[in-house]
PDB file of N, CA and C in Angstrom:
ATOM      1  N   MET A   1      85.163  35.417 216.427  1.00  0.00           N
ATOM      2  CA  MET A   1      84.235  36.137 215.592  1.00  0.00           C
ATOM      3  C   MET A   1      83.943  35.301 214.344  1.00  0.00           C
ATOM      4  N   PRO A   2      82.662  35.036 214.058  1.00  0.00           N
ATOM      5  CA  PRO A   2      82.349  34.172 212.916  1.00  0.00           C
ATOM      6  C   PRO A   2      82.555  34.900 211.586  1.00  0.00           C
ATOM      7  N   GLN A   3      82.865  34.122 210.591  1.00  0.00           N
ATOM      8  CA  GLN A   3      83.073  34.688 209.260  1.00  0.00           C
ATOM      9  C   GLN A   3      81.740  34.800 208.522  1.00  0.00           C
ATOM     10  N   LEU A   4      81.690  35.777 207.611  1.00  0.00           N
ATOM     11  CA  LEU A   4      80.483  35.987 206.822  1.00  0.00           C
ATOM     12  C   LEU A   4      80.446  34.969 205.680  1.00  0.00           C
ATOM     13  N   ASP A   5      79.337  34.287 205.566  1.00  0.00           N
ATOM     14  CA  ASP A   5      79.195  33.280 204.513  1.00  0.00           C
ATOM     15  C   ASP A   5      78.759  33.982 203.221  1.00  0.00           C
ATOM     16  N   THR A   6      79.627  34.012 202.229  1.00  0.00           N
ATOM     17  CA  THR A   6      79.337  34.687 200.966  1.00  0.00           C
ATOM     18  C   THR A   6      79.118  33.706 199.819  1.00  0.00           C
ATOM     19  N   SER A   7      78.870  32.477 200.129  1.00  0.00           N
ATOM     20  CA  SER A   7      78.752  31.476 199.073  1.00  0.00           C
ATOM     21  C   SER A   7      77.488  31.666 198.229  1.00  0.00           C
ATOM     22  N   THR A   8      76.443  32.239 198.760  1.00  0.00           N
ATOM     23  CA  THR A   8      75.200  32.391 198.005  1.00  0.00           C
ATOM     24  C   THR A   8      75.052  33.795 197.411  1.00  0.00           C
ATOM     25  N   TRP A   9      75.995  34.660 197.606  1.00  0.00           N
ATOM     26  CA  TRP A   9      75.879  36.031 197.114  1.00  0.00           C
ATOM     27  C   TRP A   9      75.776  36.097 195.590  1.00  0.00           C
ATOM     28  N   PHE A  10      76.592  35.323 194.911  1.00  0.00           N
ATOM     29  CA  PHE A  10      76.587  35.348 193.448  1.00  0.00           C
ATOM     30  C   PHE A  10      75.208  34.964 192.916  1.00  0.00           C
ATOM     31  N   THR A  11      74.647  33.893 193.423  1.00  0.00           N
ATOM     32  CA  THR A  11      73.330  33.439 192.976  1.00  0.00           C
ATOM     33  C   THR A  11      72.263  34.481 193.291  1.00  0.00           C
ATOM     34  N   THR A  12      72.342  35.084 194.452  1.00  0.00           N
ATOM     35  CA  THR A  12      71.352  36.091 194.840  1.00  0.00           C
ATOM     36  C   THR A  12      71.423  37.317 193.936  1.00  0.00           C
ATOM     37  N   ILE A  13      72.620  37.767 193.661  1.00  0.00           N
ATOM     38  CA  ILE A  13      72.797  38.961 192.832  1.00  0.00           C
ATOM     39  C   ILE A  13      72.364  38.697 191.390  1.00  0.00           C
ATOM     40  N   VAL A  14      72.745  37.580 190.836  1.00  0.00           N
ATOM     41  CA  VAL A  14      72.371  37.245 189.464  1.00  0.00           C
ATOM     42  C   VAL A  14      70.853  37.088 189.355  1.00  0.00           C
ATOM     43  N   THR A  15      70.237  36.454 190.314  1.00  0.00           N
ATOM     44  CA  THR A  15      68.788  36.291 190.302  1.00  0.00           C
ATOM     45  C   THR A  15      68.093  37.641 190.414  1.00  0.00           C
ATOM     46  N   MET A  16      68.615  38.527 191.250  1.00  0.00           N
ATOM     47  CA  MET A  16      68.037  39.854 191.400  1.00  0.00           C
ATOM     48  C   MET A  16      68.129  40.644 190.096  1.00  0.00           C
ATOM     49  N   LEU A  17      69.278  40.601 189.434  1.00  0.00           N
ATOM     50  CA  LEU A  17      69.442  41.322 188.176  1.00  0.00           C
ATOM     51  C   LEU A  17      68.533  40.768 187.090  1.00  0.00           C
ATOM     52  N   LEU A  18      68.418  39.478 187.027  1.00  0.00           N
ATOM     53  CA  LEU A  18      67.522  38.858 186.053  1.00  0.00           C
ATOM     54  C   LEU A  18      66.068  39.252 186.313  1.00  0.00           C
ATOM     55  N   THR A  19      65.678  39.269 187.563  1.00  0.00           N
ATOM     56  CA  THR A  19      64.313  39.662 187.910  1.00  0.00           C
ATOM     57  C   THR A  19      64.052  41.122 187.552  1.00  0.00           C
ATOM     58  N   LEU A  20      64.990  42.007 187.844  1.00  0.00           N
ATOM     59  CA  LEU A  20      64.835  43.414 187.491  1.00  0.00           C
ATOM     60  C   LEU A  20      64.743  43.605 185.983  1.00  0.00           C
ATOM     61  N   TYR A  21      65.537  42.863 185.251  1.00  0.00           N
ATOM     62  CA  TYR A  21      65.486  42.943 183.794  1.00  0.00           C
ATOM     63  C   TYR A  21      64.123  42.489 183.277  1.00  0.00           C
ATOM     64  N   LEU A  22      63.624  41.399 183.787  1.00  0.00           N
ATOM     65  CA  LEU A  22      62.326  40.883 183.331  1.00  0.00           C
ATOM     66  C   LEU A  22      61.191  41.827 183.702  1.00  0.00           C
ATOM     67  N   ILE A  23      61.236  42.414 184.881  1.00  0.00           N
ATOM     68  CA  ILE A  23      60.191  43.363 185.279  1.00  0.00           C
ATOM     69  C   ILE A  23      60.228  44.583 184.373  1.00  0.00           C
ATOM     70  N   THR A  24      61.420  45.058 184.058  1.00  0.00           N
ATOM     71  CA  THR A  24      61.543  46.205 183.163  1.00  0.00           C
ATOM     72  C   THR A  24      61.002  45.881 181.775  1.00  0.00           C
ATOM     73  N   GLN A  25      61.302  44.719 181.273  1.00  0.00           N
ATOM     74  CA  GLN A  25      60.805  44.325 179.955  1.00  0.00           C
ATOM     75  C   GLN A  25      59.277  44.212 179.956  1.00  0.00           C
ATOM     76  N   LEU A  26      58.720  43.698 181.002  1.00  0.00           N
ATOM     77  CA  LEU A  26      57.268  43.580 181.072  1.00  0.00           C
ATOM     78  C   LEU A  26      56.600  44.949 181.162  1.00  0.00           C
ATOM     79  N   LYS A  27      57.209  45.864 181.879  1.00  0.00           N
ATOM     80  CA  LYS A  27      56.654  47.219 181.960  1.00  0.00           C
ATOM     81  C   LYS A  27      56.731  47.917 180.602  1.00  0.00           C
ATOM     82  N   LEU A  28      57.831  47.747 179.892  1.00  0.00           N
ATOM     83  CA  LEU A  28      57.963  48.367 178.575  1.00  0.00           C
ATOM     84  C   LEU A  28      57.019  47.732 177.566  1.00  0.00           C
ATOM     85  N   LEU A  29      56.739  46.491 177.727  1.00  0.00           N
ATOM     86  CA  LEU A  29      55.831  45.807 176.816  1.00  0.00           C
ATOM     87  C   LEU A  29      54.416  46.377 176.917  1.00  0.00           C
ATOM     88  N   ASN A  30      54.033  46.811 178.100  1.00  0.00           N
ATOM     89  CA  ASN A  30      52.679  47.324 178.314  1.00  0.00           C
ATOM     90  C   ASN A  30      52.589  48.840 178.162  1.00  0.00           C
ATOM     91  N   THR A  31      53.657  49.491 177.769  1.00  0.00           N
ATOM     92  CA  THR A  31      53.666  50.938 177.626  1.00  0.00           C
ATOM     93  C   THR A  31      53.070  51.325 176.282  1.00  0.00           C
ATOM     94  N   ASN A  32      52.211  52.320 176.293  1.00  0.00           N
ATOM     95  CA  ASN A  32      51.625  52.834 175.056  1.00  0.00           C
ATOM     96  C   ASN A  32      52.448  54.023 174.592  1.00  0.00           C
ATOM     97  N   PHE A  33      53.114  53.879 173.497  1.00  0.00           N
ATOM     98  CA  PHE A  33      53.908  54.951 172.945  1.00  0.00           C
ATOM     99  C   PHE A  33      53.046  55.799 172.028  1.00  0.00           C
ATOM    100  N   TYR A  34      53.439  57.036 171.854  1.00  0.00           N
ATOM    101  CA  TYR A  34      52.671  57.950 171.012  1.00  0.00           C
ATOM    102  C   TYR A  34      52.715  57.491 169.562  1.00  0.00           C
ATOM    103  N   GLN A  35      51.558  57.486 168.937  1.00  0.00           N
ATOM    104  CA  GLN A  35      51.466  57.179 167.518  1.00  0.00           C
ATOM    105  C   GLN A  35      50.739  58.332 166.843  1.00  0.00           C
ATOM    106  N   PRO A  36      51.314  58.886 165.788  1.00  0.00           N
ATOM    107  CA  PRO A  36      50.654  60.012 165.134  1.00  0.00           C
ATOM    108  C   PRO A  36      49.321  59.594 164.522  1.00  0.00           C
ATOM    109  N   PRO A  37      48.388  60.529 164.447  1.00  0.00           N
ATOM    110  CA  PRO A  37      47.094  60.166 163.858  1.00  0.00           C
ATOM    111  C   PRO A  37      47.240  59.850 162.373  1.00  0.00           C
ATOM    112  N   PRO A  38      46.417  58.982 161.854  1.00  0.00           N
ATOM    113  CA  PRO A  38      46.518  58.628 160.431  1.00  0.00           C
ATOM    114  C   PRO A  38      46.130  59.806 159.550  1.00  0.00           C
ATOM    115  N   GLN A  39      46.762  59.879 158.391  1.00  0.00           N
ATOM    116  CA  GLN A  39      46.430  60.936 157.438  1.00  0.00           C
ATOM    117  C   GLN A  39      45.133  60.582 156.717  1.00  0.00           C
ATOM    118  N   LYS A  40      44.357  61.618 156.394  1.00  0.00           N
ATOM    119  CA  LYS A  40      43.081  61.373 155.717  1.00  0.00           C
ATOM    120  C   LYS A  40      43.292  60.921 154.277  1.00  0.00           C
ATOM    121  N   ASN A  41      44.190  61.617 153.580  1.00  0.00           N
ATOM    122  CA  ASN A  41      44.464  61.268 152.196  1.00  0.00           C
ATOM    123  C   ASN A  41      45.977  61.071 152.047  1.00  0.00           C
ATOM    124  N   PRO A  42      46.454  59.853 151.971  1.00  0.00           N
ATOM    125  CA  PRO A  42      47.900  59.638 151.920  1.00  0.00           C
ATOM    126  C   PRO A  42      48.563  60.133 150.632  1.00  0.00           C
ATOM    127  N   ASN A  43      47.775  60.303 149.547  1.00  0.00           N
ATOM    128  CA  ASN A  43      48.367  60.763 148.291  1.00  0.00           C
ATOM    129  C   ASN A  43      48.670  62.257 148.310  1.00  0.00           C
ATOM    130  N   LYS A  44      47.852  63.002 149.002  1.00  0.00           N
ATOM    131  CA  LYS A  44      48.025  64.447 149.048  1.00  0.00           C
ATOM    132  C   LYS A  44      48.656  64.830 150.383  1.00  0.00           C
ATOM    133  N   GLN A  45      49.855  65.404 150.328  1.00  0.00           N
ATOM    134  CA  GLN A  45      50.534  65.821 151.539  1.00  0.00           C
ATOM    135  C   GLN A  45      50.351  67.324 151.715  1.00  0.00           C
ATOM    136  N   THR A  46      49.625  67.686 152.743  1.00  0.00           N
ATOM    137  CA  THR A  46      49.409  69.098 153.001  1.00  0.00           C
ATOM    138  C   THR A  46      50.390  69.565 154.064  1.00  0.00           C
ATOM    139  N   PRO A  47      50.931  70.763 153.915  1.00  0.00           N
ATOM    140  CA  PRO A  47      51.858  71.259 154.926  1.00  0.00           C
ATOM    141  C   PRO A  47      51.141  71.496 156.252  1.00  0.00           C
ATOM    142  N   SER A  48      51.890  71.347 157.318  1.00  0.00           N
ATOM    143  CA  SER A  48      51.267  71.444 158.628  1.00  0.00           C
ATOM    144  C   SER A  48      51.135  72.881 159.105  1.00  0.00           C
ATOM    145  N   ASN A  49      51.883  73.826 158.518  1.00  0.00           N
ATOM    146  CA  ASN A  49      51.728  75.217 158.926  1.00  0.00           C
ATOM    147  C   ASN A  49      51.845  76.126 157.709  1.00  0.00           C
ATOM    148  N   HIS A  50      51.486  77.387 157.888  1.00  0.00           N
ATOM    149  CA  HIS A  50      51.448  78.307 156.758  1.00  0.00           C
ATOM    150  C   HIS A  50      52.838  78.772 156.318  1.00  0.00           C
ATOM    151  N   TRP A  51      53.864  78.523 157.114  1.00  0.00           N
ATOM    152  CA  TRP A  51      55.215  78.957 156.734  1.00  0.00           C
ATOM    153  C   TRP A  51      55.727  78.159 155.535  1.00  0.00           C
ATOM    154  N   GLN A  52      55.238  76.986 155.338  1.00  0.00           N
ATOM    155  CA  GLN A  52      55.697  76.178 154.223  1.00  0.00           C
ATOM    156  C   GLN A  52      55.026  76.591 152.908  1.00  0.00           C
ATOM    157  N   LEU A  53      53.993  77.392 152.983  1.00  0.00           N
ATOM    158  CA  LEU A  53      53.269  77.767 151.782  1.00  0.00           C
ATOM    159  C   LEU A  53      53.837  78.997 151.089  1.00  0.00           C
ATOM    160  N   LYS A  54      54.580  79.807 151.761  1.00  0.00           N
ATOM    161  CA  LYS A  54      55.034  81.063 151.165  1.00  0.00           C
ATOM    162  C   LYS A  54      56.465  81.368 151.582  1.00  0.00           C
ATOM    163  N   TRP A  55      57.088  82.254 150.829  1.00  0.00           N
ATOM    164  CA  TRP A  55      58.422  82.727 151.175  1.00  0.00           C
ATOM    165  C   TRP A  55      58.295  83.879 152.139  1.00  0.00           C
ATOM    166  N   THR A  56      59.280  84.022 152.962  1.00  0.00           N
ATOM    167  CA  THR A  56      59.290  85.157 153.878  1.00  0.00           C
ATOM    168  C   THR A  56      60.415  86.103 153.475  1.00  0.00           C
ATOM    169  N   LYS A  57      60.223  87.377 153.730  1.00  0.00           N
ATOM    170  CA  LYS A  57      61.241  88.367 153.391  1.00  0.00           C
ATOM    171  C   LYS A  57      62.299  88.398 154.479  1.00  0.00           C
ATOM    172  N   ILE A  58      63.532  88.611 154.036  1.00  0.00           N
ATOM    173  CA  ILE A  58      64.636  88.734 154.980  1.00  0.00           C
ATOM    174  C   ILE A  58      65.100  90.177 154.935  1.00  0.00           C
ATOM    175  N   TYR A  59      65.007  90.838 156.058  1.00  0.00           N
ATOM    176  CA  TYR A  59      65.379  92.239 156.134  1.00  0.00           C
ATOM    177  C   TYR A  59      66.764  92.390 156.741  1.00  0.00           C
ATOM    178  N   LEU A  60      67.471  93.421 156.292  1.00  0.00           N
ATOM    179  CA  LEU A  60      68.771  93.726 156.886  1.00  0.00           C
ATOM    180  C   LEU A  60      68.561  94.456 158.202  1.00  0.00           C
ATOM    181  N   PRO A  61      69.477  94.290 159.141  1.00  0.00           N
ATOM    182  CA  PRO A  61      69.351  95.052 160.386  1.00  0.00           C
ATOM    183  C   PRO A  61      69.521  96.553 160.109  1.00  0.00           C
ATOM    184  N   HIS A  62      69.038  97.394 160.980  1.00  0.00           N
ATOM    185  CA  HIS A  62      69.079  98.834 160.790  1.00  0.00           C
ATOM    186  C   HIS A  62      70.502  99.384 160.759  1.00  0.00           C
ATOM    187  N   SER A  63      71.412  98.683 161.387  1.00  0.00           N
ATOM    188  CA  SER A  63      72.774  99.205 161.443  1.00  0.00           C
ATOM    189  C   SER A  63      73.514  99.062 160.107  1.00  0.00           C
ATOM    190  N   GLN A  64      73.045  98.159 159.247  1.00  0.00           N
ATOM    191  CA  GLN A  64      73.700  97.971 157.955  1.00  0.00           C
ATOM    192  C   GLN A  64      72.926  98.742 156.879  1.00  0.00           C
ATOM    193  N   LEU A  65      73.620  99.558 156.169  1.00  0.00           N
ATOM    194  CA  LEU A  65      72.986 100.338 155.110  1.00  0.00           C
ATOM    195  C   LEU A  65      73.220  99.666 153.768  1.00  0.00           C
ATOM    196  N   GLN A  66      72.220  99.666 152.946  1.00  0.00           N
ATOM    197  CA  GLN A  66      72.389  99.105 151.605  1.00  0.00           C
ATOM    198  C   GLN A  66      73.128 100.123 150.735  1.00  0.00           C
ATOM    199  N   GLN A  67      74.011  99.607 149.910  1.00  0.00           N
ATOM    200  CA  GLN A  67      74.780 100.510 149.041  1.00  0.00           C
ATOM    201  C   GLN A  67      74.580 100.164 147.592  1.00  0.00           C
TER     202      GLN A  67
END
């Protein structure tokens, strides 16, 4: 029964890993990541929702009575 020749396995595996790494880097290089839209006036910061403009009341639950 002939023996399996494993002399080129190391080179094949290292080359495969290097190729996968390079392909991944090239794919990430061409990826468009989300960028927030530019602000109209950078000096004036307006809140994004109405909750930041006012205080809200905190009510006690019905089971607790005020004393």
